Amino acid sequence: MGKFLILLGVVIAVVGLVLVYAPGLLSWFGKLPGDLRWQNEKGGVFFPITSMIIVSVVLTVIMNLIGRH
């Protein structure tokens, strides 16, 4: 559990650095085909379906690589 928390902290720090110093690297996130967006004059709804599938696949691969000894 300790290794996982350290890794999670490092990942959060790296994502934070990317967002601060290179925001263009993640500009594609949420704008993929399959990310649903409905807007009208009163508000809007956003469902990032495709982006979350990509995040899920990447995290699954990372966790499987870390979990194997």
PDB file of N, CA and C in Angstrom:
ATOM      1  N   MET A   1       0.830  -1.185   0.000  1.00  0.00           N
ATOM      2  CA  MET A   1       0.000   0.000   0.000  1.00  0.00           C
ATOM      3  C   MET A   1       0.875   1.249   0.000  1.00  0.00           C
ATOM      4  N   GLY A   2       1.991   1.194   0.700  1.00  0.00           N
ATOM      5  CA  GLY A   2       2.877   2.351   0.765  1.00  0.00           C
ATOM      6  C   GLY A   2       3.475   2.703  -0.591  1.00  0.00           C
ATOM      7  N   LYS A   3       3.892   1.665  -1.338  1.00  0.00           N
ATOM      8  CA  LYS A   3       4.457   1.906  -2.666  1.00  0.00           C
ATOM      9  C   LYS A   3       3.422   2.527  -3.600  1.00  0.00           C
ATOM     10  N   PHE A   4       2.196   2.059  -3.496  1.00  0.00           N
ATOM     11  CA  PHE A   4       1.124   2.592  -4.325  1.00  0.00           C
ATOM     12  C   PHE A   4       0.880   4.068  -4.021  1.00  0.00           C
ATOM     13  N   LEU A   5       0.865   4.428  -2.753  1.00  0.00           N
ATOM     14  CA  LEU A   5       0.646   5.828  -2.385  1.00  0.00           C
ATOM     15  C   LEU A   5       1.790   6.721  -2.849  1.00  0.00           C
ATOM     16  N   ILE A   6       3.012   6.220  -2.773  1.00  0.00           N
ATOM     17  CA  ILE A   6       4.157   6.994  -3.274  1.00  0.00           C
ATOM     18  C   ILE A   6       4.031   7.182  -4.787  1.00  0.00           C
ATOM     19  N   LEU A   7       3.704   6.115  -5.496  1.00  0.00           N
ATOM     20  CA  LEU A   7       3.535   6.199  -6.943  1.00  0.00           C
ATOM     21  C   LEU A   7       2.406   7.155  -7.308  1.00  0.00           C
ATOM     22  N   LEU A   8       1.312   7.079  -6.590  1.00  0.00           N
ATOM     23  CA  LEU A   8       0.187   7.974  -6.843  1.00  0.00           C
ATOM     24  C   LEU A   8       0.595   9.429  -6.635  1.00  0.00           C
ATOM     25  N   GLY A   9       1.366   9.703  -5.606  1.00  0.00           N
ATOM     26  CA  GLY A   9       1.849  11.056  -5.356  1.00  0.00           C
ATOM     27  C   GLY A   9       2.767  11.549  -6.463  1.00  0.00           C
ATOM     28  N   VAL A  10       3.627  10.688  -6.957  1.00  0.00           N
ATOM     29  CA  VAL A  10       4.522  11.062  -8.058  1.00  0.00           C
ATOM     30  C   VAL A  10       3.722  11.349  -9.323  1.00  0.00           C
ATOM     31  N   VAL A  11       2.734  10.519  -9.614  1.00  0.00           N
ATOM     32  CA  VAL A  11       1.898  10.727 -10.802  1.00  0.00           C
ATOM     33  C   VAL A  11       1.143  12.044 -10.697  1.00  0.00           C
ATOM     34  N   ILE A  12       0.579  12.332  -9.546  1.00  0.00           N
ATOM     35  CA  ILE A  12      -0.140  13.593  -9.359  1.00  0.00           C
ATOM     36  C   ILE A  12       0.800  14.781  -9.527  1.00  0.00           C
ATOM     37  N   ALA A  13       2.013  14.667  -8.999  1.00  0.00           N
ATOM     38  CA  ALA A  13       2.991  15.751  -9.142  1.00  0.00           C
ATOM     39  C   ALA A  13       3.380  15.957 -10.600  1.00  0.00           C
ATOM     40  N   VAL A  14       3.581  14.873 -11.340  1.00  0.00           N
ATOM     41  CA  VAL A  14       3.955  14.991 -12.754  1.00  0.00           C
ATOM     42  C   VAL A  14       2.819  15.611 -13.560  1.00  0.00           C
ATOM     43  N   VAL A  15       1.597  15.182 -13.321  1.00  0.00           N
ATOM     44  CA  VAL A  15       0.452  15.762 -14.022  1.00  0.00           C
ATOM     45  C   VAL A  15       0.322  17.246 -13.680  1.00  0.00           C
ATOM     46  N   GLY A  16       0.538  17.595 -12.437  1.00  0.00           N
ATOM     47  CA  GLY A  16       0.495  19.000 -12.042  1.00  0.00           C
ATOM     48  C   GLY A  16       1.560  19.818 -12.745  1.00  0.00           C
ATOM     49  N   LEU A  17       2.771  19.294 -12.852  1.00  0.00           N
ATOM     50  CA  LEU A  17       3.832  20.009 -13.567  1.00  0.00           C
ATOM     51  C   LEU A  17       3.506  20.173 -15.045  1.00  0.00           C
ATOM     52  N   VAL A  18       2.939  19.145 -15.651  1.00  0.00           N
ATOM     53  CA  VAL A  18       2.547  19.242 -17.060  1.00  0.00           C
ATOM     54  C   VAL A  18       1.471  20.299 -17.236  1.00  0.00           C
ATOM     55  N   LEU A  19       0.500  20.334 -16.343  1.00  0.00           N
ATOM     56  CA  LEU A  19      -0.580  21.317 -16.460  1.00  0.00           C
ATOM     57  C   LEU A  19      -0.074  22.743 -16.286  1.00  0.00           C
ATOM     58  N   VAL A  20       0.943  22.933 -15.464  1.00  0.00           N
ATOM     59  CA  VAL A  20       1.467  24.275 -15.222  1.00  0.00           C
ATOM     60  C   VAL A  20       2.419  24.713 -16.327  1.00  0.00           C
ATOM     61  N   TYR A  21       3.358  23.842 -16.716  1.00  0.00           N
ATOM     62  CA  TYR A  21       4.427  24.249 -17.622  1.00  0.00           C
ATOM     63  C   TYR A  21       4.200  23.883 -19.087  1.00  0.00           C
ATOM     64  N   ALA A  22       3.327  22.949 -19.380  1.00  0.00           N
ATOM     65  CA  ALA A  22       3.059  22.549 -20.765  1.00  0.00           C
ATOM     66  C   ALA A  22       1.582  22.195 -20.930  1.00  0.00           C
ATOM     67  N   PRO A  23       0.694  23.161 -20.781  1.00  0.00           N
ATOM     68  CA  PRO A  23      -0.738  22.836 -20.828  1.00  0.00           C
ATOM     69  C   PRO A  23      -1.206  22.324 -22.188  1.00  0.00           C
ATOM     70  N   GLY A  24      -0.454  22.585 -23.236  1.00  0.00           N
ATOM     71  CA  GLY A  24      -0.841  22.114 -24.555  1.00  0.00           C
ATOM     72  C   GLY A  24      -0.740  20.609 -24.729  1.00  0.00           C
ATOM     73  N   LEU A  25       0.030  19.934 -23.875  1.00  0.00           N
ATOM     74  CA  LEU A  25       0.189  18.485 -23.996  1.00  0.00           C
ATOM     75  C   LEU A  25      -1.108  17.733 -23.692  1.00  0.00           C
ATOM     76  N   LEU A  26      -1.947  18.296 -22.875  1.00  0.00           N
ATOM     77  CA  LEU A  26      -3.211  17.635 -22.518  1.00  0.00           C
ATOM     78  C   LEU A  26      -4.429  18.345 -23.104  1.00  0.00           C
ATOM     79  N   SER A  27      -4.226  19.165 -24.126  1.00  0.00           N
ATOM     80  CA  SER A  27      -5.353  19.906 -24.689  1.00  0.00           C
ATOM     81  C   SER A  27      -6.328  19.000 -25.435  1.00  0.00           C
ATOM     82  N   TRP A  28      -5.895  17.806 -25.836  1.00  0.00           N
ATOM     83  CA  TRP A  28      -6.762  16.867 -26.540  1.00  0.00           C
ATOM     84  C   TRP A  28      -7.763  16.206 -25.605  1.00  0.00           C
ATOM     85  N   PHE A  29      -7.459  16.186 -24.305  1.00  0.00           N
ATOM     86  CA  PHE A  29      -8.293  15.464 -23.349  1.00  0.00           C
ATOM     87  C   PHE A  29      -9.673  16.116 -23.255  1.00  0.00           C
ATOM     88  N   GLY A  30     -10.712  15.341 -23.473  1.00  0.00           N
ATOM     89  CA  GLY A  30     -12.073  15.843 -23.420  1.00  0.00           C
ATOM     90  C   GLY A  30     -12.587  16.338 -24.748  1.00  0.00           C
ATOM     91  N   LYS A  31     -11.780  16.257 -25.801  1.00  0.00           N
ATOM     92  CA  LYS A  31     -12.207  16.730 -27.123  1.00  0.00           C
ATOM     93  C   LYS A  31     -12.152  15.618 -28.164  1.00  0.00           C
ATOM     94  N   LEU A  32     -12.135  14.383 -27.707  1.00  0.00           N
ATOM     95  CA  LEU A  32     -12.054  13.239 -28.614  1.00  0.00           C
ATOM     96  C   LEU A  32     -13.437  12.902 -29.169  1.00  0.00           C
ATOM     97  N   PRO A  33     -13.474  12.222 -30.327  1.00  0.00           N
ATOM     98  CA  PRO A  33     -14.768  11.736 -30.817  1.00  0.00           C
ATOM     99  C   PRO A  33     -15.337  10.740 -29.800  1.00  0.00           C
ATOM    100  N   GLY A  34     -16.555  10.889 -29.450  1.00  0.00           N
ATOM    101  CA  GLY A  34     -17.160  10.032 -28.439  1.00  0.00           C
ATOM    102  C   GLY A  34     -17.323  10.730 -27.098  1.00  0.00           C
ATOM    103  N   ASP A  35     -16.675  11.875 -26.921  1.00  0.00           N
ATOM    104  CA  ASP A  35     -16.896  12.697 -25.735  1.00  0.00           C
ATOM    105  C   ASP A  35     -18.138  13.545 -26.005  1.00  0.00           C
ATOM    106  N   LEU A  36     -19.183  13.285 -25.267  1.00  0.00           N
ATOM    107  CA  LEU A  36     -20.475  13.898 -25.546  1.00  0.00           C
ATOM    108  C   LEU A  36     -20.625  15.222 -24.800  1.00  0.00           C
ATOM    109  N   ARG A  37     -21.137  16.220 -25.514  1.00  0.00           N
ATOM    110  CA  ARG A  37     -21.324  17.549 -24.932  1.00  0.00           C
ATOM    111  C   ARG A  37     -22.651  18.124 -25.443  1.00  0.00           C
ATOM    112  N   TRP A  38     -23.513  18.476 -24.518  1.00  0.00           N
ATOM    113  CA  TRP A  38     -24.774  19.123 -24.846  1.00  0.00           C
ATOM    114  C   TRP A  38     -24.809  20.467 -24.139  1.00  0.00           C
ATOM    115  N   GLN A  39     -25.091  21.528 -24.891  1.00  0.00           N
ATOM    116  CA  GLN A  39     -25.161  22.860 -24.303  1.00  0.00           C
ATOM    117  C   GLN A  39     -26.390  23.590 -24.833  1.00  0.00           C
ATOM    118  N   ASN A  40     -26.988  24.380 -23.964  1.00  0.00           N
ATOM    119  CA  ASN A  40     -28.041  25.296 -24.374  1.00  0.00           C
ATOM    120  C   ASN A  40     -27.852  26.589 -23.607  1.00  0.00           C
ATOM    121  N   GLU A  41     -28.808  27.479 -23.685  1.00  0.00           N
ATOM    122  CA  GLU A  41     -28.641  28.793 -23.051  1.00  0.00           C
ATOM    123  C   GLU A  41     -28.643  28.728 -21.517  1.00  0.00           C
ATOM    124  N   LYS A  42     -29.177  27.671 -20.932  1.00  0.00           N
ATOM    125  CA  LYS A  42     -29.252  27.561 -19.475  1.00  0.00           C
ATOM    126  C   LYS A  42     -28.081  26.802 -18.858  1.00  0.00           C
ATOM    127  N   GLY A  43     -27.337  26.071 -19.650  1.00  0.00           N
ATOM    128  CA  GLY A  43     -26.235  25.287 -19.106  1.00  0.00           C
ATOM    129  C   GLY A  43     -25.835  24.181 -20.060  1.00  0.00           C
ATOM    130  N   GLY A  44     -25.114  23.233 -19.538  1.00  0.00           N
ATOM    131  CA  GLY A  44     -24.662  22.154 -20.395  1.00  0.00           C
ATOM    132  C   GLY A  44     -24.302  20.913 -19.603  1.00  0.00           C
ATOM    133  N   VAL A  45     -24.129  19.833 -20.335  1.00  0.00           N
ATOM    134  CA  VAL A  45     -23.748  18.552 -19.764  1.00  0.00           C
ATOM    135  C   VAL A  45     -22.597  18.009 -20.595  1.00  0.00           C
ATOM    136  N   PHE A  46     -21.600  17.423 -19.930  1.00  0.00           N
ATOM    137  CA  PHE A  46     -20.425  16.896 -20.616  1.00  0.00           C
ATOM    138  C   PHE A  46     -20.134  15.501 -20.098  1.00  0.00           C
ATOM    139  N   PHE A  47     -20.057  14.522 -21.005  1.00  0.00           N
ATOM    140  CA  PHE A  47     -19.726  13.143 -20.674  1.00  0.00           C
ATOM    141  C   PHE A  47     -18.472  12.747 -21.451  1.00  0.00           C
ATOM    142  N   PRO A  48     -17.295  12.734 -20.808  1.00  0.00           N
ATOM    143  CA  PRO A  48     -16.056  12.383 -21.523  1.00  0.00           C
ATOM    144  C   PRO A  48     -15.864  10.857 -21.624  1.00  0.00           C
ATOM    145  N   ILE A  49     -16.741  10.195 -22.376  1.00  0.00           N
ATOM    146  CA  ILE A  49     -16.737   8.741 -22.431  1.00  0.00           C
ATOM    147  C   ILE A  49     -15.433   8.201 -23.024  1.00  0.00           C
ATOM    148  N   THR A  50     -15.050   8.674 -24.190  1.00  0.00           N
ATOM    149  CA  THR A  50     -13.846   8.168 -24.855  1.00  0.00           C
ATOM    150  C   THR A  50     -12.593   8.474 -24.042  1.00  0.00           C
ATOM    151  N   SER A  51     -12.503   9.670 -23.508  1.00  0.00           N
ATOM    152  CA  SER A  51     -11.333  10.041 -22.712  1.00  0.00           C
ATOM    153  C   SER A  51     -11.207   9.154 -21.476  1.00  0.00           C
ATOM    154  N   MET A  52     -12.315   8.838 -20.831  1.00  0.00           N
ATOM    155  CA  MET A  52     -12.266   7.999 -19.634  1.00  0.00           C
ATOM    156  C   MET A  52     -11.930   6.549 -19.977  1.00  0.00           C
ATOM    157  N   ILE A  53     -12.327   6.079 -21.156  1.00  0.00           N
ATOM    158  CA  ILE A  53     -11.939   4.729 -21.578  1.00  0.00           C
ATOM    159  C   ILE A  53     -10.430   4.673 -21.760  1.00  0.00           C
ATOM    160  N   ILE A  54      -9.849   5.714 -22.371  1.00  0.00           N
ATOM    161  CA  ILE A  54      -8.399   5.760 -22.558  1.00  0.00           C
ATOM    162  C   ILE A  54      -7.694   5.807 -21.207  1.00  0.00           C
ATOM    163  N   VAL A  55      -8.178   6.617 -20.280  1.00  0.00           N
ATOM    164  CA  VAL A  55      -7.585   6.690 -18.946  1.00  0.00           C
ATOM    165  C   VAL A  55      -7.675   5.335 -18.259  1.00  0.00           C
ATOM    166  N   SER A  56      -8.800   4.659 -18.385  1.00  0.00           N
ATOM    167  CA  SER A  56      -8.984   3.353 -17.764  1.00  0.00           C
ATOM    168  C   SER A  56      -8.016   2.320 -18.326  1.00  0.00           C
ATOM    169  N   VAL A  57      -7.841   2.302 -19.633  1.00  0.00           N
ATOM    170  CA  VAL A  57      -6.920   1.343 -20.250  1.00  0.00           C
ATOM    171  C   VAL A  57      -5.487   1.615 -19.806  1.00  0.00           C
ATOM    172  N   VAL A  58      -5.079   2.877 -19.808  1.00  0.00           N
ATOM    173  CA  VAL A  58      -3.714   3.236 -19.400  1.00  0.00           C
ATOM    174  C   VAL A  58      -3.479   2.854 -17.942  1.00  0.00           C
ATOM    175  N   LEU A  59      -4.406   3.170 -17.064  1.00  0.00           N
ATOM    176  CA  LEU A  59      -4.248   2.823 -15.649  1.00  0.00           C
ATOM    177  C   LEU A  59      -4.244   1.315 -15.430  1.00  0.00           C
ATOM    178  N   THR A  60      -5.040   0.575 -16.193  1.00  0.00           N
ATOM    179  CA  THR A  60      -5.048  -0.881 -16.077  1.00  0.00           C
ATOM    180  C   THR A  60      -3.702  -1.461 -16.472  1.00  0.00           C
ATOM    181  N   VAL A  61      -3.132  -0.968 -17.561  1.00  0.00           N
ATOM    182  CA  VAL A  61      -1.819  -1.454 -17.996  1.00  0.00           C
ATOM    183  C   VAL A  61      -0.760  -1.131 -16.950  1.00  0.00           C
ATOM    184  N   ILE A  62      -0.771   0.091 -16.438  1.00  0.00           N
ATOM    185  CA  ILE A  62       0.214   0.493 -15.425  1.00  0.00           C
ATOM    186  C   ILE A  62       0.077  -0.361 -14.165  1.00  0.00           C
ATOM    187  N   MET A  63      -1.137  -0.554 -13.699  1.00  0.00           N
ATOM    188  CA  MET A  63      -1.339  -1.346 -12.477  1.00  0.00           C
ATOM    189  C   MET A  63      -0.935  -2.809 -12.684  1.00  0.00           C
ATOM    190  N   ASN A  64      -1.180  -3.360 -13.870  1.00  0.00           N
ATOM    191  CA  ASN A  64      -0.765  -4.734 -14.144  1.00  0.00           C
ATOM    192  C   ASN A  64       0.754  -4.846 -14.202  1.00  0.00           C
ATOM    193  N   LEU A  65       1.418  -3.847 -14.743  1.00  0.00           N
ATOM    194  CA  LEU A  65       2.874  -3.867 -14.785  1.00  0.00           C
ATOM    195  C   LEU A  65       3.483  -3.739 -13.395  1.00  0.00           C
ATOM    196  N   ILE A  66       2.866  -2.911 -12.556  1.00  0.00           N
ATOM    197  CA  ILE A  66       3.370  -2.714 -11.185  1.00  0.00           C
ATOM    198  C   ILE A  66       3.060  -3.935 -10.327  1.00  0.00           C
ATOM    199  N   GLY A  67       1.902  -4.530 -10.513  1.00  0.00           N
ATOM    200  CA  GLY A  67       1.459  -5.638  -9.684  1.00  0.00           C
ATOM    201  C   GLY A  67       2.209  -6.922  -9.903  1.00  0.00           C
ATOM    202  N   ARG A  68       2.824  -7.098 -11.043  1.00  0.00           N
ATOM    203  CA  ARG A  68       3.551  -8.340 -11.325  1.00  0.00           C
ATOM    204  C   ARG A  68       4.947  -8.259 -10.746  1.00  0.00           C
ATOM    205  N   HIS A  69       5.378  -9.314 -10.112  1.00  0.00           N
ATOM    206  CA  HIS A  69       6.714  -9.329  -9.501  1.00  0.00           C
ATOM    207  C   HIS A  69       7.620 -10.269 -10.229  1.00  0.00           C
TER     208      HIS A  69
END
